[in-house]
Amino acid sequence: MKKIAIAIDGPAAAGKSTIAKRVANNLGYTYIDTGAMYRCVAYYALVKGVDFHDENAVCRLLPEIKIKLMPDNTVYLNDRDVTSDIRVNEISAGASIVSAYSKVRTYLVAQQREMAKEGGVILDGRDIGTVVLPNAELKIYQVASIECRALRRHNENLSRGLNSDLDEIKKEVAARDEADMTREISPLKKADDAIEIDTSDMTIDEVVAHIMNLVEEKTQ
């Protein structure tokens, strides 16, 4: 079977990573978590005491940042496992800020394209189908209601033993949507040739099965 590149875009907490990991596992593809890469930049800025809003200071850190994405979805930053550290709300907000910086995007997009050049990959993010891999053979735009996405993030936090306020998360998700859709550099938007999937009332298995069918159509 021909191996293709799959791009999954969509707003925060739409379940993109969960679905991408499952599809990648089913296909034997490599999953490239682009969001984790931006989270690593935000986390490193936090560790170094750099304000997320100080674009020049954040960009000066880039040469010091070495990210490794492992097959088991472990994320290493400068040889340290930061898989859990980068999944807290503060880093989510920071990732949205630093991802708007052109130098940060250029630095990470180059790495993402290099990882994807041989095919057999699935990437998820905000601008995979529009900017990172505009020639991807299959593009998915995955959405869900704000209420549904906030509840997913809330349950995720609770499962990790973190304090979580559902109303606050709703506000954060709405703010993240606004920031992602209106930023000047690579805003979140649906690629013209992307297939939209609303997962609000779908189970994970249903979404995965739907995408697997789409992959089969593309690789026949």
Foldseek 3Di string as FASTA:
>chain_A
DDFFEEEEEEAALLCVVVLQLVLLVVLVFAEDELLVLLLLLLVVCVVVVHDLQPQVVSLVCVVVWDWDQDRVRFIDTPNHGCSPVSLDPVSVVSSLSNCLRPSSVVSSLVVVCVVCVVGRYYYYYQCCCPPSCVPTLAYEYGAEDLLQSLVSSQVVCVVVVHDHDSVVSSVVRVVSLVSQQPRPPRRGDDDPPHHYDYCHPPDSVVVNVVVVVVVVVSPD
